[in-house]
C-alpha cells in the first residue's frame, strides 16, 4: 500500500502497524515523534496503530544534544 510520509510517497506492507512501518524505514520507534493523519500518536500506541492506504504521517527524529 502507498502512504505519505513527510510529504513523500512510501510503500508499506499490508497489513502494517505504525511500528512495523517505522522499523522498515530504519527508524527506532522510541527515537521519533509521529503525527498520523493530523493526530499525535503516543509511542505506546505505535504497535497497535494500523496504517491504511493514503494515510499521512509526519515523522520527526528526536535529537539530544549538549
PDB file of N, CA and C in Angstrom:
ATOM      1  N   UNK A   1       0.846  -1.175   0.000  1.00  0.00           N
ATOM      2  CA  UNK A   1       0.000   0.000   0.000  1.00  0.00           C
ATOM      3  C   UNK A   1       0.889   1.235   0.000  1.00  0.00           C
ATOM      4  N   UNK A   2       0.329   2.326  -0.438  1.00  0.00           N
ATOM      5  CA  UNK A   2       1.065   3.588  -0.502  1.00  0.00           C
ATOM      6  C   UNK A   2       0.532   4.545   0.555  1.00  0.00           C
ATOM      7  N   UNK A   3       1.456   5.160   1.284  1.00  0.00           N
ATOM      8  CA  UNK A   3       1.120   6.194   2.267  1.00  0.00           C
ATOM      9  C   UNK A   3       2.004   7.401   2.001  1.00  0.00           C
ATOM     10  N   UNK A   4       1.723   8.507   2.646  1.00  0.00           N
ATOM     11  CA  UNK A   4       2.582   9.681   2.560  1.00  0.00           C
ATOM     12  C   UNK A   4       3.327   9.835   3.877  1.00  0.00           C
ATOM     13  N   UNK A   5       4.641   9.862   3.807  1.00  0.00           N
ATOM     14  CA  UNK A   5       5.473  10.047   4.999  1.00  0.00           C
ATOM     15  C   UNK A   5       6.316  11.292   4.779  1.00  0.00           C
ATOM     16  N   UNK A   6       6.081  12.310   5.581  1.00  0.00           N
ATOM     17  CA  UNK A   6       6.773  13.593   5.452  1.00  0.00           C
ATOM     18  C   UNK A   6       6.640  14.149   4.038  1.00  0.00           C
ATOM     19  N   UNK A   7       5.441  14.017   3.460  1.00  0.00           N
ATOM     20  CA  UNK A   7       5.160  14.577   2.152  1.00  0.00           C
ATOM     21  C   UNK A   7       5.629  13.750   0.971  1.00  0.00           C
ATOM     22  N   UNK A   8       6.231  12.599   1.217  1.00  0.00           N
ATOM     23  CA  UNK A   8       6.725  11.739   0.142  1.00  0.00           C
ATOM     24  C   UNK A   8       5.985  10.414   0.163  1.00  0.00           C
ATOM     25  N   UNK A   9       5.746   9.876  -1.031  1.00  0.00           N
ATOM     26  CA  UNK A   9       5.104   8.566  -1.105  1.00  0.00           C
ATOM     27  C   UNK A   9       6.042   7.498  -0.568  1.00  0.00           C
ATOM     28  N   UNK A  10       5.488   6.590   0.211  1.00  0.00           N
ATOM     29  CA  UNK A  10       6.253   5.467   0.758  1.00  0.00           C
ATOM     30  C   UNK A  10       5.374   4.225   0.654  1.00  0.00           C
ATOM     31  N   UNK A  11       6.032   3.081   0.536  1.00  0.00           N
ATOM     32  CA  UNK A  11       5.321   1.820   0.431  1.00  0.00           C
ATOM     33  C   UNK A  11       5.385   1.086   1.758  1.00  0.00           C
ATOM     34  N   UNK A  12       4.268   0.536   2.170  1.00  0.00           N
ATOM     35  CA  UNK A  12       4.192  -0.254   3.396  1.00  0.00           C
ATOM     36  C   UNK A  12       3.522  -1.578   3.078  1.00  0.00           C
ATOM     37  N   UNK A  13       3.944  -2.627   3.775  1.00  0.00           N
ATOM     38  CA  UNK A  13       3.303  -3.924   3.590  1.00  0.00           C
ATOM     39  C   UNK A  13       1.870  -3.836   4.113  1.00  0.00           C
ATOM     40  N   UNK A  14       1.062  -4.792   3.724  1.00  0.00           N
ATOM     41  CA  UNK A  14      -0.320  -4.774   4.181  1.00  0.00           C
ATOM     42  C   UNK A  14      -0.662  -6.130   4.766  1.00  0.00           C
ATOM     43  N   UNK A  15      -1.142  -6.243   5.976  1.00  0.00           N
ATOM     44  CA  UNK A  15      -1.383  -5.171   6.942  1.00  0.00           C
ATOM     45  C   UNK A  15      -0.072  -4.683   7.563  1.00  0.00           C
ATOM     46  N   UNK A  16      -0.128  -3.484   8.116  1.00  0.00           N
ATOM     47  CA  UNK A  16       1.080  -2.891   8.693  1.00  0.00           C
ATOM     48  C   UNK A  16       0.691  -1.955   9.829  1.00  0.00           C
ATOM     49  N   UNK A  17       1.422  -2.060  10.929  1.00  0.00           N
ATOM     50  CA  UNK A  17       1.224  -1.113  12.027  1.00  0.00           C
ATOM     51  C   UNK A  17       2.221   0.028  11.867  1.00  0.00           C
ATOM     52  N   UNK A  18       1.989   1.088  12.581  1.00  0.00           N
ATOM     53  CA  UNK A  18       2.898   2.220  12.569  1.00  0.00           C
ATOM     54  C   UNK A  18       4.302   1.780  12.992  1.00  0.00           C
ATOM     55  N   UNK A  19       4.388   0.961  14.021  1.00  0.00           N
ATOM     56  CA  UNK A  19       5.687   0.481  14.496  1.00  0.00           C
ATOM     57  C   UNK A  19       6.408  -0.326  13.415  1.00  0.00           C
ATOM     58  N   UNK A  20       5.695  -1.212  12.730  1.00  0.00           N
ATOM     59  CA  UNK A  20       6.303  -2.009  11.660  1.00  0.00           C
ATOM     60  C   UNK A  20       6.815  -1.112  10.536  1.00  0.00           C
ATOM     61  N   UNK A  21       6.057  -0.075  10.210  1.00  0.00           N
ATOM     62  CA  UNK A  21       6.491   0.845   9.162  1.00  0.00           C
ATOM     63  C   UNK A  21       7.761   1.575   9.582  1.00  0.00           C
ATOM     64  N   UNK A  22       7.792   2.081  10.810  1.00  0.00           N
ATOM     65  CA  UNK A  22       8.984   2.803  11.277  1.00  0.00           C
ATOM     66  C   UNK A  22      10.222   1.914  11.209  1.00  0.00           C
ATOM     67  N   UNK A  23      10.103   0.682  11.674  1.00  0.00           N
ATOM     68  CA  UNK A  23      11.228  -0.254  11.652  1.00  0.00           C
ATOM     69  C   UNK A  23      11.654  -0.527  10.207  1.00  0.00           C
ATOM     70  N   UNK A  24      10.697  -0.676   9.301  1.00  0.00           N
ATOM     71  CA  UNK A  24      11.032  -0.935   7.896  1.00  0.00           C
ATOM     72  C   UNK A  24      11.771   0.240   7.265  1.00  0.00           C
ATOM     73  N   UNK A  25      11.613   1.429   7.833  1.00  0.00           N
ATOM     74  CA  UNK A  25      12.299   2.619   7.341  1.00  0.00           C
ATOM     75  C   UNK A  25      13.624   2.870   8.067  1.00  0.00           C
ATOM     76  N   UNK A  26      14.006   1.943   8.940  1.00  0.00           N
ATOM     77  CA  UNK A  26      15.267   2.078   9.670  1.00  0.00           C
ATOM     78  C   UNK A  26      15.198   3.044  10.831  1.00  0.00           C
ATOM     79  N   UNK A  27      14.002   3.290  11.337  1.00  0.00           N
ATOM     80  CA  UNK A  27      13.821   4.212  12.460  1.00  0.00           C
ATOM     81  C   UNK A  27      13.490   3.439  13.727  1.00  0.00           C
ATOM     82  N   UNK A  28      14.105   3.836  14.816  1.00  0.00           N
ATOM     83  CA  UNK A  28      13.776   3.247  16.109  1.00  0.00           C
ATOM     84  C   UNK A  28      12.508   3.936  16.623  1.00  0.00           C
ATOM     85  N   UNK A  29      11.464   3.165  16.892  1.00  0.00           N
ATOM     86  CA  UNK A  29      10.205   3.778  17.317  1.00  0.00           C
ATOM     87  C   UNK A  29      10.323   4.721  18.511  1.00  0.00           C
ATOM     88  N   UNK A  30      11.228   4.461  19.423  1.00  0.00           N
ATOM     89  CA  UNK A  30      11.361   5.330  20.608  1.00  0.00           C
ATOM     90  C   UNK A  30      12.187   6.583  20.326  1.00  0.00           C
ATOM     91  N   UNK A  31      12.692   6.728  19.091  1.00  0.00           N
ATOM     92  CA  UNK A  31      13.524   7.891  18.779  1.00  0.00           C
ATOM     93  C   UNK A  31      12.813   8.883  17.865  1.00  0.00           C
ATOM     94  N   UNK A  32      11.476   8.711  17.708  1.00  0.00           N
ATOM     95  CA  UNK A  32      10.730   9.605  16.827  1.00  0.00           C
ATOM     96  C   UNK A  32       9.429  10.063  17.479  1.00  0.00           C
ATOM     97  N   UNK A  33       8.925  11.173  16.970  1.00  0.00           N
ATOM     98  CA  UNK A  33       7.595  11.679  17.307  1.00  0.00           C
ATOM     99  C   UNK A  33       6.789  11.563  16.022  1.00  0.00           C
ATOM    100  N   UNK A  34       5.564  11.039  16.116  1.00  0.00           N
ATOM    101  CA  UNK A  34       4.774  10.788  14.907  1.00  0.00           C
ATOM    102  C   UNK A  34       3.387  11.419  15.006  1.00  0.00           C
ATOM    103  N   UNK A  35       2.995  12.026  13.890  1.00  0.00           N
ATOM    104  CA  UNK A  35       1.633  12.517  13.720  1.00  0.00           C
ATOM    105  C   UNK A  35       1.013  11.666  12.612  1.00  0.00           C
ATOM    106  N   UNK A  36      -0.121  11.038  12.904  1.00  0.00           N
ATOM    107  CA  UNK A  36      -0.813  10.147  11.960  1.00  0.00           C
ATOM    108  C   UNK A  36      -2.135  10.775  11.578  1.00  0.00           C
ATOM    109  N   UNK A  37      -2.252  11.160  10.313  1.00  0.00           N
ATOM    110  CA  UNK A  37      -3.472  11.824   9.824  1.00  0.00           C
ATOM    111  C   UNK A  37      -3.848  13.020  10.702  1.00  0.00           C
ATOM    112  N   UNK A  38      -2.838  13.806  11.098  1.00  0.00           N
ATOM    113  CA  UNK A  38      -3.080  15.020  11.868  1.00  0.00           C
ATOM    114  C   UNK A  38      -3.206  14.829  13.363  1.00  0.00           C
ATOM    115  N   UNK A  39      -3.047  13.603  13.848  1.00  0.00           N
ATOM    116  CA  UNK A  39      -3.187  13.311  15.279  1.00  0.00           C
ATOM    117  C   UNK A  39      -1.859  12.807  15.843  1.00  0.00           C
ATOM    118  N   UNK A  40      -1.388  13.427  16.920  1.00  0.00           N
ATOM    119  CA  UNK A  40      -0.165  12.958  17.580  1.00  0.00           C
ATOM    120  C   UNK A  40      -0.406  11.568  18.155  1.00  0.00           C
ATOM    121  N   UNK A  41       0.583  10.699  18.009  1.00  0.00           N
ATOM    122  CA  UNK A  41       0.450   9.323  18.478  1.00  0.00           C
ATOM    123  C   UNK A  41       1.484   9.064  19.570  1.00  0.00           C
ATOM    124  N   UNK A  42       1.033   8.549  20.706  1.00  0.00           N
ATOM    125  CA  UNK A  42       1.945   8.187  21.799  1.00  0.00           C
ATOM    126  C   UNK A  42       2.755   6.962  21.382  1.00  0.00           C
ATOM    127  N   UNK A  43       4.042   6.924  21.716  1.00  0.00           N
ATOM    128  CA  UNK A  43       4.864   5.765  21.361  1.00  0.00           C
ATOM    129  C   UNK A  43       4.280   4.435  21.833  1.00  0.00           C
ATOM    130  N   UNK A  44       3.559   4.437  22.929  1.00  0.00           N
ATOM    131  CA  UNK A  44       2.964   3.201  23.432  1.00  0.00           C
ATOM    132  C   UNK A  44       1.869   2.670  22.499  1.00  0.00           C
ATOM    133  N   UNK A  45       1.373   3.509  21.583  1.00  0.00           N
ATOM    134  CA  UNK A  45       0.322   3.110  20.651  1.00  0.00           C
ATOM    135  C   UNK A  45       0.861   2.673  19.281  1.00  0.00           C
ATOM    136  N   UNK A  46       2.148   2.849  19.020  1.00  0.00           N
ATOM    137  CA  UNK A  46       2.707   2.557  17.693  1.00  0.00           C
ATOM    138  C   UNK A  46       2.406   1.122  17.245  1.00  0.00           C
ATOM    139  N   UNK A  47       2.516   0.157  18.148  1.00  0.00           N
ATOM    140  CA  UNK A  47       2.319  -1.243  17.798  1.00  0.00           C
ATOM    141  C   UNK A  47       0.875  -1.622  17.538  1.00  0.00           C
ATOM    142  N   UNK A  48      -0.068  -0.806  17.996  1.00  0.00           N
ATOM    143  CA  UNK A  48      -1.488  -1.103  17.805  1.00  0.00           C
ATOM    144  C   UNK A  48      -2.136  -0.224  16.739  1.00  0.00           C
ATOM    145  N   UNK A  49      -1.397   0.764  16.232  1.00  0.00           N
ATOM    146  CA  UNK A  49      -1.979   1.715  15.274  1.00  0.00           C
ATOM    147  C   UNK A  49      -1.831   1.183  13.846  1.00  0.00           C
ATOM    148  N   UNK A  50      -2.938   0.738  13.220  1.00  0.00           N
ATOM    149  CA  UNK A  50      -2.847   0.216  11.847  1.00  0.00           C
ATOM    150  C   UNK A  50      -2.718   1.358  10.835  1.00  0.00           C
ATOM    151  N   UNK A  51      -1.995   1.083   9.767  1.00  0.00           N
ATOM    152  CA  UNK A  51      -1.901   2.029   8.666  1.00  0.00           C
ATOM    153  C   UNK A  51      -2.824   1.576   7.546  1.00  0.00           C
ATOM    154  N   UNK A  52      -3.378   2.540   6.828  1.00  0.00           N
ATOM    155  CA  UNK A  52      -4.272   2.275   5.713  1.00  0.00           C
ATOM    156  C   UNK A  52      -3.769   3.028   4.485  1.00  0.00           C
ATOM    157  N   UNK A  53      -4.090   2.544   3.289  1.00  0.00           N
ATOM    158  CA  UNK A  53      -3.660   3.251   2.078  1.00  0.00           C
ATOM    159  C   UNK A  53      -4.077   4.720   2.125  1.00  0.00           C
ATOM    160  N   UNK A  54      -3.147   5.594   1.743  1.00  0.00           N
ATOM    161  CA  UNK A  54      -3.428   7.027   1.711  1.00  0.00           C
ATOM    162  C   UNK A  54      -3.214   7.750   3.026  1.00  0.00           C
ATOM    163  N   UNK A  55      -2.862   7.025   4.097  1.00  0.00           N
ATOM    164  CA  UNK A  55      -2.607   7.690   5.377  1.00  0.00           C
ATOM    165  C   UNK A  55      -1.449   8.666   5.236  1.00  0.00           C
ATOM    166  N   UNK A  56      -1.455   9.696   6.090  1.00  0.00           N
ATOM    167  CA  UNK A  56      -0.406  10.699   6.106  1.00  0.00           C
ATOM    168  C   UNK A  56       0.334  10.633   7.440  1.00  0.00           C
ATOM    169  N   UNK A  57       1.656  10.547   7.345  1.00  0.00           N
ATOM    170  CA  UNK A  57       2.499  10.538   8.537  1.00  0.00           C
ATOM    171  C   UNK A  57       3.454  11.727   8.488  1.00  0.00           C
ATOM    172  N   UNK A  58       3.645  12.353   9.623  1.00  0.00           N
ATOM    173  CA  UNK A  58       4.725  13.309   9.806  1.00  0.00           C
ATOM    174  C   UNK A  58       5.619  12.712  10.882  1.00  0.00           C
ATOM    175  N   UNK A  59       6.868  12.484  10.543  1.00  0.00           N
ATOM    176  CA  UNK A  59       7.790  11.802  11.443  1.00  0.00           C
ATOM    177  C   UNK A  59       8.960  12.735  11.723  1.00  0.00           C
ATOM    178  N   UNK A  60       9.229  12.968  13.003  1.00  0.00           N
ATOM    179  CA  UNK A  60      10.331  13.838  13.413  1.00  0.00           C
ATOM    180  C   UNK A  60      11.244  13.045  14.330  1.00  0.00           C
ATOM    181  N   UNK A  61      12.533  13.038  13.991  1.00  0.00           N
ATOM    182  CA  UNK A  61      13.513  12.349  14.845  1.00  0.00           C
ATOM    183  C   UNK A  61      13.830  13.206  16.055  1.00  0.00           C
ATOM    184  N   UNK A  62      13.946  12.546  17.185  1.00  0.00           N
ATOM    185  CA  UNK A  62      14.340  13.206  18.422  1.00  0.00           C
ATOM    186  C   UNK A  62      15.857  13.239  18.472  1.00  0.00           C
ATOM    187  N   UNK A  63      16.426  14.419  18.654  1.00  0.00           N
ATOM    188  CA  UNK A  63      17.874  14.562  18.708  1.00  0.00           C
ATOM    189  C   UNK A  63      18.241  15.193  20.039  1.00  0.00           C
ATOM    190  N   UNK A  64      19.163  14.552  20.731  1.00  0.00           N
ATOM    191  CA  UNK A  64      19.635  15.084  22.017  1.00  0.00           C
ATOM    192  C   UNK A  64      20.988  15.746  21.798  1.00  0.00           C
ATOM    193  N   UNK A  65      21.199  16.789  22.498  1.00  0.00           N
ATOM    194  CA  UNK A  65      22.469  17.490  22.370  1.00  0.00           C
ATOM    195  C   UNK A  65      22.943  17.983  23.717  1.00  0.00           C
ATOM    196  N   UNK A  66      24.097  18.530  23.717  1.00  0.00           N
ATOM    197  CA  UNK A  66      24.605  19.000  24.994  1.00  0.00           C
ATOM    198  C   UNK A  66      25.473  20.193  24.879  1.00  0.00           C
TER     199      UNK A  66
END
